[in-house]
Amino acid sequence: MQHKYCFEAVNRRLNDIYNTGIGKQFGNIPIVLGGDFAQILPVVRHGNRGAIVNACIQRSQLWLN
């Protein structure tokens, strides 16, 4: 699983390329993410449980909008 910052960076770049507003996700392009996000956690070097859970895509600001 990728760190949540990867998805947020792709979101910002697509919004910049397509000149969409802040409220639009991924430049208003349909994105399909597959997998069981509760069981596939990202790797955080020298991180404790809290750091690993905080790096998960479910904790991303993308889902707060």
PDB file of N, CA and C in Angstrom:
ATOM      1  N   MET A   1       0.844  -1.173   0.000  1.00  0.00           N
ATOM      2  CA  MET A   1       0.000   0.000   0.000  1.00  0.00           C
ATOM      3  C   MET A   1       0.890   1.237   0.000  1.00  0.00           C
ATOM      4  N   GLN A   2       0.479   2.225  -0.693  1.00  0.00           N
ATOM      5  CA  GLN A   2       1.217   3.480  -0.762  1.00  0.00           C
ATOM      6  C   GLN A   2       0.843   4.379   0.408  1.00  0.00           C
ATOM      7  N   HIS A   3       1.745   5.256   0.754  1.00  0.00           N
ATOM      8  CA  HIS A   3       1.500   6.241   1.800  1.00  0.00           C
ATOM      9  C   HIS A   3       0.434   7.215   1.307  1.00  0.00           C
ATOM     10  N   LYS A   4      -0.324   7.767   2.217  1.00  0.00           N
ATOM     11  CA  LYS A   4      -1.408   8.671   1.828  1.00  0.00           C
ATOM     12  C   LYS A   4      -0.891   9.910   1.110  1.00  0.00           C
ATOM     13  N   TYR A   5       0.366  10.293   1.355  1.00  0.00           N
ATOM     14  CA  TYR A   5       0.925  11.465   0.698  1.00  0.00           C
ATOM     15  C   TYR A   5       1.050  11.254  -0.810  1.00  0.00           C
ATOM     16  N   CYS A   6       1.223  10.015  -1.253  1.00  0.00           N
ATOM     17  CA  CYS A   6       1.301   9.724  -2.686  1.00  0.00           C
ATOM     18  C   CYS A   6      -0.015  10.047  -3.384  1.00  0.00           C
ATOM     19  N   PHE A   7      -1.119   9.629  -2.791  1.00  0.00           N
ATOM     20  CA  PHE A   7      -2.426   9.896  -3.380  1.00  0.00           C
ATOM     21  C   PHE A   7      -2.758  11.380  -3.326  1.00  0.00           C
ATOM     22  N   GLU A   8      -2.377  12.050  -2.246  1.00  0.00           N
ATOM     23  CA  GLU A   8      -2.636  13.483  -2.136  1.00  0.00           C
ATOM     24  C   GLU A   8      -1.803  14.268  -3.147  1.00  0.00           C
ATOM     25  N   ALA A   9      -0.581  13.815  -3.432  1.00  0.00           N
ATOM     26  CA  ALA A   9       0.255  14.482  -4.423  1.00  0.00           C
ATOM     27  C   ALA A   9      -0.325  14.317  -5.826  1.00  0.00           C
ATOM     28  N   VAL A  10      -0.803  13.116  -6.150  1.00  0.00           N
ATOM     29  CA  VAL A  10      -1.436  12.888  -7.451  1.00  0.00           C
ATOM     30  C   VAL A  10      -2.691  13.747  -7.572  1.00  0.00           C
ATOM     31  N   ASN A  11      -3.445  13.862  -6.513  1.00  0.00           N
ATOM     32  CA  ASN A  11      -4.646  14.690  -6.518  1.00  0.00           C
ATOM     33  C   ASN A  11      -4.295  16.150  -6.805  1.00  0.00           C
ATOM     34  N   ARG A  12      -3.266  16.673  -6.135  1.00  0.00           N
ATOM     35  CA  ARG A  12      -2.871  18.070  -6.357  1.00  0.00           C
ATOM     36  C   ARG A  12      -2.383  18.287  -7.785  1.00  0.00           C
ATOM     37  N   ARG A  13      -1.589  17.345  -8.312  1.00  0.00           N
ATOM     38  CA  ARG A  13      -1.067  17.505  -9.671  1.00  0.00           C
ATOM     39  C   ARG A  13      -2.185  17.465 -10.710  1.00  0.00           C
ATOM     40  N   LEU A  14      -3.117  16.546 -10.575  1.00  0.00           N
ATOM     41  CA  LEU A  14      -4.220  16.476 -11.538  1.00  0.00           C
ATOM     42  C   LEU A  14      -5.113  17.706 -11.449  1.00  0.00           C
ATOM     43  N   ASN A  15      -5.315  18.222 -10.245  1.00  0.00           N
ATOM     44  CA  ASN A  15      -6.087  19.461 -10.109  1.00  0.00           C
ATOM     45  C   ASN A  15      -5.358  20.631 -10.753  1.00  0.00           C
ATOM     46  N   ASP A  16      -4.027  20.670 -10.649  1.00  0.00           N
ATOM     47  CA  ASP A  16      -3.255  21.730 -11.305  1.00  0.00           C
ATOM     48  C   ASP A  16      -3.307  21.601 -12.823  1.00  0.00           C
ATOM     49  N   ILE A  17      -3.204  20.389 -13.333  1.00  0.00           N
ATOM     50  CA  ILE A  17      -3.192  20.178 -14.779  1.00  0.00           C
ATOM     51  C   ILE A  17      -4.540  20.536 -15.394  1.00  0.00           C
ATOM     52  N   TYR A  18      -5.623  20.103 -14.769  1.00  0.00           N
ATOM     53  CA  TYR A  18      -6.952  20.310 -15.343  1.00  0.00           C
ATOM     54  C   TYR A  18      -7.651  21.557 -14.821  1.00  0.00           C
ATOM     55  N   ASN A  19      -6.969  22.366 -14.026  1.00  0.00           N
ATOM     56  CA  ASN A  19      -7.499  23.624 -13.496  1.00  0.00           C
ATOM     57  C   ASN A  19      -8.851  23.453 -12.823  1.00  0.00           C
ATOM     58  N   THR A  20      -8.991  22.424 -12.037  1.00  0.00           N
ATOM     59  CA  THR A  20     -10.231  22.218 -11.297  1.00  0.00           C
ATOM     60  C   THR A  20     -10.117  22.883  -9.938  1.00  0.00           C
ATOM     61  N   GLY A  21     -11.238  23.103  -9.309  1.00  0.00           N
ATOM     62  CA  GLY A  21     -11.249  23.756  -8.010  1.00  0.00           C
ATOM     63  C   GLY A  21     -10.794  22.842  -6.899  1.00  0.00           C
ATOM     64  N   ILE A  22     -10.762  23.392  -5.712  1.00  0.00           N
ATOM     65  CA  ILE A  22     -10.312  22.631  -4.550  1.00  0.00           C
ATOM     66  C   ILE A  22     -11.295  21.517  -4.211  1.00  0.00           C
ATOM     67  N   GLY A  23     -12.561  21.700  -4.463  1.00  0.00           N
ATOM     68  CA  GLY A  23     -13.572  20.716  -4.108  1.00  0.00           C
ATOM     69  C   GLY A  23     -13.587  19.481  -4.993  1.00  0.00           C
ATOM     70  N   LYS A  24     -12.930  19.529  -6.138  1.00  0.00           N
ATOM     71  CA  LYS A  24     -12.907  18.389  -7.063  1.00  0.00           C
ATOM     72  C   LYS A  24     -11.776  17.441  -6.682  1.00  0.00           C
ATOM     73  N   GLN A  25     -11.998  16.161  -6.872  1.00  0.00           N
ATOM     74  CA  GLN A  25     -10.994  15.147  -6.546  1.00  0.00           C
ATOM     75  C   GLN A  25     -10.349  14.625  -7.814  1.00  0.00           C
ATOM     76  N   PHE A  26      -9.033  14.527  -7.842  1.00  0.00           N
ATOM     77  CA  PHE A  26      -8.253  13.953  -8.928  1.00  0.00           C
ATOM     78  C   PHE A  26      -8.568  14.599 -10.272  1.00  0.00           C
ATOM     79  N   GLY A  27      -8.726  15.913 -10.285  1.00  0.00           N
ATOM     80  CA  GLY A  27      -8.974  16.625 -11.529  1.00  0.00           C
ATOM     81  C   GLY A  27     -10.288  16.261 -12.168  1.00  0.00           C
ATOM     82  N   ASN A  28     -11.227  15.793 -11.382  1.00  0.00           N
ATOM     83  CA  ASN A  28     -12.556  15.380 -11.835  1.00  0.00           C
ATOM     84  C   ASN A  28     -12.475  14.185 -12.791  1.00  0.00           C
ATOM     85  N   ILE A  29     -11.436  13.364 -12.641  1.00  0.00           N
ATOM     86  CA  ILE A  29     -11.253  12.140 -13.424  1.00  0.00           C
ATOM     87  C   ILE A  29     -11.660  10.968 -12.535  1.00  0.00           C
ATOM     88  N   PRO A  30     -12.468  10.035 -13.047  1.00  0.00           N
ATOM     89  CA  PRO A  30     -12.817   8.867 -12.234  1.00  0.00           C
ATOM     90  C   PRO A  30     -11.585   8.007 -11.936  1.00  0.00           C
ATOM     91  N   ILE A  31     -11.354   7.726 -10.680  1.00  0.00           N
ATOM     92  CA  ILE A  31     -10.226   6.922 -10.227  1.00  0.00           C
ATOM     93  C   ILE A  31     -10.790   5.725  -9.467  1.00  0.00           C
ATOM     94  N   VAL A  32     -10.309   4.530  -9.797  1.00  0.00           N
ATOM     95  CA  VAL A  32     -10.750   3.320  -9.110  1.00  0.00           C
ATOM     96  C   VAL A  32      -9.596   2.805  -8.265  1.00  0.00           C
ATOM     97  N   LEU A  33      -9.823   2.703  -6.967  1.00  0.00           N
ATOM     98  CA  LEU A  33      -8.838   2.148  -6.046  1.00  0.00           C
ATOM     99  C   LEU A  33      -9.393   0.826  -5.542  1.00  0.00           C
ATOM    100  N   GLY A  34      -8.630  -0.227  -5.717  1.00  0.00           N
ATOM    101  CA  GLY A  34      -9.104  -1.535  -5.302  1.00  0.00           C
ATOM    102  C   GLY A  34      -8.226  -2.131  -4.230  1.00  0.00           C
ATOM    103  N   GLY A  35      -8.825  -2.949  -3.409  1.00  0.00           N
ATOM    104  CA  GLY A  35      -8.068  -3.617  -2.363  1.00  0.00           C
ATOM    105  C   GLY A  35      -8.792  -3.517  -1.038  1.00  0.00           C
ATOM    106  N   ASP A  36      -8.292  -4.244  -0.080  1.00  0.00           N
ATOM    107  CA  ASP A  36      -8.838  -4.208   1.267  1.00  0.00           C
ATOM    108  C   ASP A  36      -7.940  -3.296   2.094  1.00  0.00           C
ATOM    109  N   PHE A  37      -8.316  -2.028   2.183  1.00  0.00           N
ATOM    110  CA  PHE A  37      -7.470  -1.032   2.817  1.00  0.00           C
ATOM    111  C   PHE A  37      -7.327  -1.252   4.315  1.00  0.00           C
ATOM    112  N   ALA A  38      -8.192  -2.042   4.902  1.00  0.00           N
ATOM    113  CA  ALA A  38      -8.081  -2.303   6.336  1.00  0.00           C
ATOM    114  C   ALA A  38      -7.006  -3.356   6.629  1.00  0.00           C
ATOM    115  N   GLN A  39      -6.648  -4.171   5.632  1.00  0.00           N
ATOM    116  CA  GLN A  39      -5.693  -5.244   5.890  1.00  0.00           C
ATOM    117  C   GLN A  39      -4.340  -5.013   5.235  1.00  0.00           C
ATOM    118  N   ILE A  40      -4.255  -4.098   4.274  1.00  0.00           N
ATOM    119  CA  ILE A  40      -2.987  -3.820   3.617  1.00  0.00           C
ATOM    120  C   ILE A  40      -2.532  -2.444   4.091  1.00  0.00           C
ATOM    121  N   LEU A  41      -1.597  -2.430   5.024  1.00  0.00           N
ATOM    122  CA  LEU A  41      -1.132  -1.175   5.599  1.00  0.00           C
ATOM    123  C   LEU A  41       0.170  -0.740   4.943  1.00  0.00           C
ATOM    124  N   PRO A  42       0.426   0.558   4.883  1.00  0.00           N
ATOM    125  CA  PRO A  42       1.691   1.028   4.320  1.00  0.00           C
ATOM    126  C   PRO A  42       2.859   0.740   5.253  1.00  0.00           C
ATOM    127  N   VAL A  43       4.043   0.702   4.680  1.00  0.00           N
ATOM    128  CA  VAL A  43       5.252   0.473   5.469  1.00  0.00           C
ATOM    129  C   VAL A  43       5.806   1.821   5.905  1.00  0.00           C
ATOM    130  N   VAL A  44       5.995   1.986   7.203  1.00  0.00           N
ATOM    131  CA  VAL A  44       6.595   3.194   7.761  1.00  0.00           C
ATOM    132  C   VAL A  44       7.838   2.752   8.521  1.00  0.00           C
ATOM    133  N   ARG A  45       8.997   3.145   8.023  1.00  0.00           N
ATOM    134  CA  ARG A  45      10.241   2.726   8.671  1.00  0.00           C
ATOM    135  C   ARG A  45      10.361   3.352  10.052  1.00  0.00           C
ATOM    136  N   HIS A  46      10.697   2.525  11.007  1.00  0.00           N
ATOM    137  CA  HIS A  46      10.876   2.932  12.403  1.00  0.00           C
ATOM    138  C   HIS A  46       9.613   3.595  12.954  1.00  0.00           C
ATOM    139  N   GLY A  47       8.455   3.206  12.444  1.00  0.00           N
ATOM    140  CA  GLY A  47       7.200   3.783  12.908  1.00  0.00           C
ATOM    141  C   GLY A  47       6.482   2.854  13.868  1.00  0.00           C
ATOM    142  N   ASN A  48       5.775   3.450  14.792  1.00  0.00           N
ATOM    143  CA  ASN A  48       4.975   2.649  15.708  1.00  0.00           C
ATOM    144  C   ASN A  48       3.593   2.435  15.095  1.00  0.00           C
ATOM    145  N   ARG A  49       2.725   1.804  15.835  1.00  0.00           N
ATOM    146  CA  ARG A  49       1.394   1.489  15.312  1.00  0.00           C
ATOM    147  C   ARG A  49       0.623   2.743  14.925  1.00  0.00           C
ATOM    148  N   GLY A  50       0.735   3.788  15.725  1.00  0.00           N
ATOM    149  CA  GLY A  50       0.029   5.036  15.429  1.00  0.00           C
ATOM    150  C   GLY A  50       0.504   5.680  14.138  1.00  0.00           C
ATOM    151  N   ALA A  51       1.804   5.627  13.878  1.00  0.00           N
ATOM    152  CA  ALA A  51       2.344   6.210  12.645  1.00  0.00           C
ATOM    153  C   ALA A  51       1.890   5.425  11.422  1.00  0.00           C
ATOM    154  N   ILE A  52       1.811   4.107  11.548  1.00  0.00           N
ATOM    155  CA  ILE A  52       1.372   3.277  10.429  1.00  0.00           C
ATOM    156  C   ILE A  52      -0.100   3.520  10.120  1.00  0.00           C
ATOM    157  N   VAL A  53      -0.929   3.563  11.132  1.00  0.00           N
ATOM    158  CA  VAL A  53      -2.364   3.799  10.915  1.00  0.00           C
ATOM    159  C   VAL A  53      -2.592   5.203  10.377  1.00  0.00           C
ATOM    160  N   ASN A  54      -1.811   6.174  10.826  1.00  0.00           N
ATOM    161  CA  ASN A  54      -1.962   7.546  10.363  1.00  0.00           C
ATOM    162  C   ASN A  54      -1.522   7.704   8.915  1.00  0.00           C
ATOM    163  N   ALA A  55      -0.651   6.824   8.411  1.00  0.00           N
ATOM    164  CA  ALA A  55      -0.188   6.886   7.029  1.00  0.00           C
ATOM    165  C   ALA A  55      -1.149   6.205   6.065  1.00  0.00           C
ATOM    166  N   CYS A  56      -2.163   5.544   6.569  1.00  0.00           N
ATOM    167  CA  CYS A  56      -3.119   4.810   5.735  1.00  0.00           C
ATOM    168  C   CYS A  56      -3.972   5.785   4.923  1.00  0.00           C
ATOM    169  N   ILE A  57      -4.410   5.348   3.763  1.00  0.00           N
ATOM    170  CA  ILE A  57      -5.198   6.209   2.882  1.00  0.00           C
ATOM    171  C   ILE A  57      -6.553   6.575   3.502  1.00  0.00           C
ATOM    172  N   GLN A  58      -7.035   5.755   4.411  1.00  0.00           N
ATOM    173  CA  GLN A  58      -8.311   6.068   5.054  1.00  0.00           C
ATOM    174  C   GLN A  58      -8.207   7.305   5.942  1.00  0.00           C
ATOM    175  N   ARG A  59      -7.014   7.670   6.354  1.00  0.00           N
ATOM    176  CA  ARG A  59      -6.798   8.863   7.177  1.00  0.00           C
ATOM    177  C   ARG A  59      -6.453  10.085   6.340  1.00  0.00           C
ATOM    178  N   SER A  60      -6.547   9.980   5.032  1.00  0.00           N
ATOM    179  CA  SER A  60      -6.177  11.063   4.130  1.00  0.00           C
ATOM    180  C   SER A  60      -7.220  12.171   4.170  1.00  0.00           C
ATOM    181  N   GLN A  61      -6.788  13.381   3.826  1.00  0.00           N
ATOM    182  CA  GLN A  61      -7.697  14.510   3.745  1.00  0.00           C
ATOM    183  C   GLN A  61      -8.586  14.441   2.510  1.00  0.00           C
ATOM    184  N   LEU A  62      -8.290  13.532   1.589  1.00  0.00           N
ATOM    185  CA  LEU A  62      -9.105  13.391   0.388  1.00  0.00           C
ATOM    186  C   LEU A  62     -10.527  12.972   0.720  1.00  0.00           C
ATOM    187  N   TRP A  63     -10.699  12.190   1.748  1.00  0.00           N
ATOM    188  CA  TRP A  63     -12.019  11.645   2.068  1.00  0.00           C
ATOM    189  C   TRP A  63     -12.810  12.576   2.968  1.00  0.00           C
ATOM    190  N   LEU A  64     -12.184  13.659   3.436  1.00  0.00           N
ATOM    191  CA  LEU A  64     -12.891  14.612   4.294  1.00  0.00           C
ATOM    192  C   LEU A  64     -13.730  15.588   3.476  1.00  0.00           C
ATOM    193  N   ASN A  65     -13.423  15.738   2.173  1.00  0.00           N
ATOM    194  CA  ASN A  65     -14.154  16.694   1.326  1.00  0.00           C
ATOM    195  C   ASN A  65     -15.474  16.133   0.892  1.00  0.00           C
TER     196      ASN A  65
END
